[in-house]
PDB file of N, CA and C in Angstrom:
ATOM      1  N   MET A   1    -109.064  29.722-120.159  1.00  0.00           N
ATOM      2  CA  MET A   1    -108.470  28.480-119.746  1.00  0.00           C
ATOM      3  C   MET A   1    -106.967  28.582-119.583  1.00  0.00           C
ATOM      4  N   THR A   2    -106.308  29.347-120.421  1.00  0.00           N
ATOM      5  CA  THR A   2    -104.858  29.439-120.301  1.00  0.00           C
ATOM      6  C   THR A   2    -104.456  30.143-119.022  1.00  0.00           C
ATOM      7  N   ILE A   3    -105.298  31.050-118.535  1.00  0.00           N
ATOM      8  CA  ILE A   3    -104.967  31.755-117.293  1.00  0.00           C
ATOM      9  C   ILE A   3    -104.982  30.779-116.127  1.00  0.00           C
ATOM     10  N   SER A   4    -105.994  29.926-116.050  1.00  0.00           N
ATOM     11  CA  SER A   4    -106.057  28.986-114.935  1.00  0.00           C
ATOM     12  C   SER A   4    -104.936  27.947-115.011  1.00  0.00           C
ATOM     13  N   SER A   5    -104.590  27.485-116.223  1.00  0.00           N
ATOM     14  CA  SER A   5    -103.502  26.523-116.324  1.00  0.00           C
ATOM     15  C   SER A   5    -102.171  27.171-115.967  1.00  0.00           C
ATOM     16  N   ASN A   6    -101.978  28.454-116.324  1.00  0.00           N
ATOM     17  CA  ASN A   6    -100.757  29.156-115.925  1.00  0.00           C
ATOM     18  C   ASN A   6    -100.705  29.347-114.418  1.00  0.00           C
ATOM     19  N   SER A   7    -101.845  29.661-113.806  1.00  0.00           N
ATOM     20  CA  SER A   7    -101.835  29.846-112.356  1.00  0.00           C
ATOM     21  C   SER A   7    -101.575  28.520-111.647  1.00  0.00           C
ATOM     22  N   LEU A   8    -102.103  27.408-112.186  1.00  0.00           N
ATOM     23  CA  LEU A   8    -101.801  26.102-111.601  1.00  0.00           C
ATOM     24  C   LEU A   8    -100.323  25.772-111.743  1.00  0.00           C
ATOM     25  N   PHE A   9     -99.762  26.063-112.909  1.00  0.00           N
ATOM     26  CA  PHE A   9     -98.339  25.828-113.145  1.00  0.00           C
ATOM     27  C   PHE A   9     -97.500  26.662-112.182  1.00  0.00           C
ATOM     28  N   THR A  10     -97.869  27.927-111.996  1.00  0.00           N
ATOM     29  CA  THR A  10     -97.125  28.814-111.107  1.00  0.00           C
ATOM     30  C   THR A  10     -97.235  28.359-109.657  1.00  0.00           C
ATOM     31  N   SER A  11     -98.450  27.995-109.229  1.00  0.00           N
ATOM     32  CA  SER A  11     -98.609  27.557-107.844  1.00  0.00           C
ATOM     33  C   SER A  11     -97.876  26.234-107.598  1.00  0.00           C
ATOM     34  N   ASN A  12     -97.845  25.350-108.603  1.00  0.00           N
ATOM     35  CA  ASN A  12     -97.117  24.090-108.474  1.00  0.00           C
ATOM     36  C   ASN A  12     -95.618  24.351-108.356  1.00  0.00           C
ATOM     37  N   LYS A  13     -95.088  25.239-109.187  1.00  0.00           N
ATOM     38  CA  LYS A  13     -93.660  25.573-109.119  1.00  0.00           C
ATOM     39  C   LYS A  13     -93.329  26.248-107.791  1.00  0.00           C
ATOM     40  N   PHE A  14     -94.226  27.107-107.322  1.00  0.00           N
ATOM     41  CA  PHE A  14     -93.991  27.775-106.036  1.00  0.00           C
ATOM     42  C   PHE A  14     -93.997  26.746-104.903  1.00  0.00           C
ATOM     43  N   GLY A  15     -94.902  25.770-104.980  1.00  0.00           N
ATOM     44  CA  GLY A  15     -94.948  24.715-103.968  1.00  0.00           C
ATOM     45  C   GLY A  15     -93.684  23.888-103.959  1.00  0.00           C
ATOM     46  N   GLN A  16     -93.158  23.569-105.142  1.00  0.00           N
ATOM     47  CA  GLN A  16     -91.909  22.811-105.237  1.00  0.00           C
ATOM     48  C   GLN A  16     -90.745  23.617-104.688  1.00  0.00           C
ATOM     49  N   LEU A  17     -90.716  24.918-105.005  1.00  0.00           N
ATOM     50  CA  LEU A  17     -89.656  25.793-104.502  1.00  0.00           C
ATOM     51  C   LEU A  17     -89.715  25.891-102.985  1.00  0.00           C
ATOM     52  N   LYS A  18     -90.921  26.012-102.454  1.00  0.00           N
ATOM     53  CA  LYS A  18     -91.083  26.094-101.002  1.00  0.00           C
ATOM     54  C   LYS A  18     -90.616  24.802-100.337  1.00  0.00           C
ATOM     55  N   GLN A  19     -90.946  23.647-100.942  1.00  0.00           N
ATOM     56  CA  GLN A  19     -90.524  22.367-100.390  1.00  0.00           C
ATOM     57  C   GLN A  19     -88.999  22.234-100.402  1.00  0.00           C
ATOM     58  N   LYS A  20     -88.364  22.633-101.491  1.00  0.00           N
ATOM     59  CA  LYS A  20     -86.895  22.571-101.578  1.00  0.00           C
ATOM     60  C   LYS A  20     -86.253  23.491-100.545  1.00  0.00           C
ATOM     61  N   ALA A  21     -86.838  24.679-100.353  1.00  0.00           N
ATOM     62  CA  ALA A  21     -86.301  25.616 -99.362  1.00  0.00           C
ATOM     63  C   ALA A  21     -86.418  25.029 -97.961  1.00  0.00           C
ATOM     64  N   ASN A  22     -87.536  24.382 -97.665  1.00  0.00           N
ATOM     65  CA  ASN A  22     -87.708  23.751 -96.354  1.00  0.00           C
ATOM     66  C   ASN A  22     -86.713  22.616 -96.142  1.00  0.00           C
ATOM     67  N   GLU A  23     -86.448  21.825 -97.178  1.00  0.00           N
ATOM     68  CA  GLU A  23     -85.465  20.745 -97.073  1.00  0.00           C
ATOM     69  C   GLU A  23     -84.062  21.300 -96.826  1.00  0.00           C
ATOM     70  N   LEU A  24     -83.716  22.371 -97.534  1.00  0.00           N
ATOM     71  CA  LEU A  24     -82.405  22.992 -97.353  1.00  0.00           C
ATOM     72  C   LEU A  24     -82.258  23.548 -95.946  1.00  0.00           C
ATOM     73  N   PHE A  25     -83.307  24.188 -95.455  1.00  0.00           N
ATOM     74  CA  PHE A  25     -83.270  24.736 -94.093  1.00  0.00           C
ATOM     75  C   PHE A  25     -83.106  23.621 -93.066  1.00  0.00           C
ATOM     76  N   ALA A  26     -83.820  22.511 -93.263  1.00  0.00           N
ATOM     77  CA  ALA A  26     -83.723  21.386 -92.328  1.00  0.00           C
ATOM     78  C   ALA A  26     -82.315  20.806 -92.316  1.00  0.00           C
ATOM     79  N   ARG A  27     -81.667  20.751 -93.480  1.00  0.00           N
ATOM     80  CA  ARG A  27     -80.288  20.242 -93.540  1.00  0.00           C
ATOM     81  C   ARG A  27     -79.307  21.165 -92.838  1.00  0.00           C
ATOM     82  N   THR A  28     -79.527  22.474 -92.924  1.00  0.00           N
ATOM     83  CA  THR A  28     -78.570  23.406 -92.330  1.00  0.00           C
ATOM     84  C   THR A  28     -78.625  23.405 -90.818  1.00  0.00           C
ATOM     85  N   ILE A  29     -79.778  23.076 -90.219  1.00  0.00           N
ATOM     86  CA  ILE A  29     -79.855  23.081 -88.762  1.00  0.00           C
ATOM     87  C   ILE A  29     -79.576  21.712 -88.161  1.00  0.00           C
ATOM     88  N   ASP A  30     -79.399  20.696 -88.994  1.00  0.00           N
ATOM     89  CA  ASP A  30     -79.096  19.353 -88.505  1.00  0.00           C
ATOM     90  C   ASP A  30     -77.671  19.338 -87.961  1.00  0.00           C
ATOM     91  N   GLN A  31     -77.497  18.906 -86.732  1.00  0.00           N
ATOM     92  CA  GLN A  31     -76.193  18.938 -86.073  1.00  0.00           C
ATOM     93  C   GLN A  31     -75.576  17.547 -85.921  1.00  0.00           C
ATOM     94  N   ASN A  32     -76.116  16.540 -86.579  1.00  0.00           N
ATOM     95  CA  ASN A  32     -75.596  15.179 -86.443  1.00  0.00           C
ATOM     96  C   ASN A  32     -74.584  14.887 -87.540  1.00  0.00           C
ATOM     97  N   ILE A  33     -73.534  14.192 -87.137  1.00  0.00           N
ATOM     98  CA  ILE A  33     -72.507  13.769 -88.085  1.00  0.00           C
ATOM     99  C   ILE A  33     -72.328  12.266 -87.932  1.00  0.00           C
ATOM    100  N   SER A  34     -72.394  11.568 -89.033  1.00  0.00           N
ATOM    101  CA  SER A  34     -72.126  10.125 -89.019  1.00  0.00           C
ATOM    102  C   SER A  34     -70.708   9.915 -89.532  1.00  0.00           C
ATOM    103  N   LEU A  35     -69.919   9.172 -88.777  1.00  0.00           N
ATOM    104  CA  LEU A  35     -68.529   8.951 -89.127  1.00  0.00           C
ATOM    105  C   LEU A  35     -68.211   7.473 -88.972  1.00  0.00           C
ATOM    106  N   ALA A  36     -67.642   6.894 -89.998  1.00  0.00           N
ATOM    107  CA  ALA A  36     -67.230   5.488 -89.937  1.00  0.00           C
ATOM    108  C   ALA A  36     -65.747   5.413 -90.267  1.00  0.00           C
ATOM    109  N   ILE A  37     -64.985   4.852 -89.359  1.00  0.00           N
ATOM    110  CA  ILE A  37     -63.547   4.687 -89.541  1.00  0.00           C
ATOM    111  C   ILE A  37     -63.256   3.189 -89.522  1.00  0.00           C
ATOM    112  N   THR A  38     -62.684   2.702 -90.599  1.00  0.00           N
ATOM    113  CA  THR A  38     -62.340   1.282 -90.658  1.00  0.00           C
ATOM    114  C   THR A  38     -60.840   1.138 -90.884  1.00  0.00           C
ATOM    115  N   GLY A  39     -60.317   0.033 -90.490  1.00  0.00           N
ATOM    116  CA  GLY A  39     -58.898  -0.227 -90.703  1.00  0.00           C
ATOM    117  C   GLY A  39     -58.445  -1.442 -89.928  1.00  0.00           C
ATOM    118  N   LEU A  40     -57.222  -1.809 -90.144  1.00  0.00           N
ATOM    119  CA  LEU A  40     -56.644  -2.948 -89.453  1.00  0.00           C
ATOM    120  C   LEU A  40     -56.411  -2.627 -87.987  1.00  0.00           C
ATOM    121  N   SER A  41     -56.222  -3.649 -87.201  1.00  0.00           N
ATOM    122  CA  SER A  41     -55.961  -3.422 -85.782  1.00  0.00           C
ATOM    123  C   SER A  41     -54.632  -2.690 -85.609  1.00  0.00           C
ATOM    124  N   ARG A  42     -54.581  -1.838 -84.629  1.00  0.00           N
ATOM    125  CA  ARG A  42     -53.399  -1.036 -84.282  1.00  0.00           C
ATOM    126  C   ARG A  42     -52.922  -0.157 -85.436  1.00  0.00           C
ATOM    127  N   SER A  43     -53.863   0.335 -86.254  1.00  0.00           N
ATOM    128  CA  SER A  43     -53.478   1.189 -87.376  1.00  0.00           C
ATOM    129  C   SER A  43     -53.665   2.676 -87.085  1.00  0.00           C
ATOM    130  N   GLY A  44     -54.107   3.024 -85.879  1.00  0.00           N
ATOM    131  CA  GLY A  44     -54.211   4.428 -85.502  1.00  0.00           C
ATOM    132  C   GLY A  44     -55.601   5.022 -85.622  1.00  0.00           C
ATOM    133  N   LYS A  45     -56.621   4.191 -85.632  1.00  0.00           N
ATOM    134  CA  LYS A  45     -57.993   4.694 -85.760  1.00  0.00           C
ATOM    135  C   LYS A  45     -58.364   5.579 -84.576  1.00  0.00           C
ATOM    136  N   THR A  46     -58.073   5.148 -83.375  1.00  0.00           N
ATOM    137  CA  THR A  46     -58.413   5.913 -82.176  1.00  0.00           C
ATOM    138  C   THR A  46     -57.652   7.228 -82.137  1.00  0.00           C
ATOM    139  N   ALA A  47     -56.392   7.213 -82.505  1.00  0.00           N
ATOM    140  CA  ALA A  47     -55.605   8.443 -82.538  1.00  0.00           C
ATOM    141  C   ALA A  47     -56.153   9.410 -83.577  1.00  0.00           C
ATOM    142  N   PHE A  48     -56.578   8.892 -84.717  1.00  0.00           N
ATOM    143  CA  PHE A  48     -57.155   9.745 -85.749  1.00  0.00           C
ATOM    144  C   PHE A  48     -58.439  10.403 -85.261  1.00  0.00           C
ATOM    145  N   ILE A  49     -59.324   9.608 -84.670  1.00  0.00           N
ATOM    146  CA  ILE A  49     -60.600  10.154 -84.198  1.00  0.00           C
ATOM    147  C   ILE A  49     -60.365  11.183 -83.096  1.00  0.00           C
ATOM    148  N   THR A  50     -59.441  10.903 -82.187  1.00  0.00           N
ATOM    149  CA  THR A  50     -59.124  11.842 -81.114  1.00  0.00           C
ATOM    150  C   THR A  50     -58.598  13.158 -81.677  1.00  0.00           C
ATOM    151  N   SER A  51     -57.702  13.078 -82.637  1.00  0.00           N
ATOM    152  CA  SER A  51     -57.146  14.274 -83.260  1.00  0.00           C
ATOM    153  C   SER A  51     -58.213  15.049 -84.022  1.00  0.00           C
ATOM    154  N   LEU A  52     -59.079  14.339 -84.727  1.00  0.00           N
ATOM    155  CA  LEU A  52     -60.149  14.989 -85.478  1.00  0.00           C
ATOM    156  C   LEU A  52     -61.100  15.735 -84.547  1.00  0.00           C
ATOM    157  N   VAL A  53     -61.513  15.100 -83.472  1.00  0.00           N
ATOM    158  CA  VAL A  53     -62.410  15.752 -82.513  1.00  0.00           C
ATOM    159  C   VAL A  53     -61.733  16.960 -81.895  1.00  0.00           C
ATOM    160  N   ASN A  54     -60.451  16.836 -81.558  1.00  0.00           N
ATOM    161  CA  ASN A  54     -59.712  17.960 -80.988  1.00  0.00           C
ATOM    162  C   ASN A  54     -59.665  19.138 -81.957  1.00  0.00           C
ATOM    163  N   GLN A  55     -59.406  18.865 -83.233  1.00  0.00           N
ATOM    164  CA  GLN A  55     -59.354  19.931 -84.232  1.00  0.00           C
ATOM    165  C   GLN A  55     -60.725  20.569 -84.436  1.00  0.00           C
ATOM    166  N   LEU A  56     -61.782  19.772 -84.416  1.00  0.00           N
ATOM    167  CA  LEU A  56     -63.130  20.327 -84.584  1.00  0.00           C
ATOM    168  C   LEU A  56     -63.533  21.189 -83.396  1.00  0.00           C
ATOM    169  N   LEU A  57     -63.134  20.777 -82.196  1.00  0.00           N
ATOM    170  CA  LEU A  57     -63.463  21.571 -81.004  1.00  0.00           C
ATOM    171  C   LEU A  57     -62.692  22.880 -80.958  1.00  0.00           C
ATOM    172  N   ASN A  58     -61.444  22.884 -81.447  1.00  0.00           N
ATOM    173  CA  ASN A  58     -60.601  24.077 -81.405  1.00  0.00           C
ATOM    174  C   ASN A  58     -60.564  24.817 -82.735  1.00  0.00           C
ATOM    175  N   GLU A  59     -61.521  24.574 -83.618  1.00  0.00           N
ATOM    176  CA  GLU A  59     -61.497  25.129 -84.968  1.00  0.00           C
ATOM    177  C   GLU A  59     -61.548  26.656 -84.975  1.00  0.00           C
ATOM    178  N   GLY A  60     -62.316  27.260 -84.088  1.00  0.00           N
ATOM    179  CA  GLY A  60     -62.477  28.707 -84.101  1.00  0.00           C
ATOM    180  C   GLY A  60     -61.349  29.477 -83.461  1.00  0.00           C
ATOM    181  N   SER A  61     -60.393  28.806 -82.838  1.00  0.00           N
ATOM    182  CA  SER A  61     -59.345  29.511 -82.101  1.00  0.00           C
ATOM    183  C   SER A  61     -58.218  30.027 -82.991  1.00  0.00           C
ATOM    184  N   GLY A  62     -58.207  29.649 -84.255  1.00  0.00           N
ATOM    185  CA  GLY A  62     -57.185  30.142 -85.173  1.00  0.00           C
ATOM    186  C   GLY A  62     -55.881  29.384 -85.144  1.00  0.00           C
ATOM    187  N   THR A  63     -55.793  28.312 -84.359  1.00  0.00           N
ATOM    188  CA  THR A  63     -54.571  27.531 -84.322  1.00  0.00           C
ATOM    189  C   THR A  63     -54.519  26.607 -85.533  1.00  0.00           C
ATOM    190  N   LYS A  64     -53.309  26.297 -85.965  1.00  0.00           N
ATOM    191  CA  LYS A  64     -53.119  25.409 -87.093  1.00  0.00           C
ATOM    192  C   LYS A  64     -52.832  24.009 -86.604  1.00  0.00           C
ATOM    193  N   LEU A  65     -52.869  23.061 -87.517  1.00  0.00           N
ATOM    194  CA  LEU A  65     -52.503  21.702 -87.165  1.00  0.00           C
ATOM    195  C   LEU A  65     -51.040  21.674 -86.750  1.00  0.00           C
ATOM    196  N   SER A  66     -50.747  21.147 -85.597  1.00  0.00           N
ATOM    197  CA  SER A  66     -49.376  21.194 -85.069  1.00  0.00           C
ATOM    198  C   SER A  66     -48.422  20.316 -85.889  1.00  0.00           C
ATOM    199  N   PHE A  67     -48.902  19.203 -86.413  1.00  0.00           N
ATOM    200  CA  PHE A  67     -48.022  18.311 -87.146  1.00  0.00           C
ATOM    201  C   PHE A  67     -47.692  18.832 -88.529  1.00  0.00           C
ATOM    202  N   PHE A  68     -48.643  19.512 -89.168  1.00  0.00           N
ATOM    203  CA  PHE A  68     -48.436  19.999 -90.530  1.00  0.00           C
ATOM    204  C   PHE A  68     -47.856  21.374 -90.474  1.00  0.00           C
TER     205      PHE A  68
END
């Protein structure tokens, strides 16, 4: 009896590990980003988003932030 209960325990743990690995893999290939920017009117939200997108698009080119 202990052998079968150990095998059930092992298969259950393996199933949980497999499920966690699948969840991690699904997160790594997800390419969606949710972004919420709030603030007062004329506080620079559009300029911030434009600058952020520009930096993300040019991230691999090795250039630094021009303002900093």
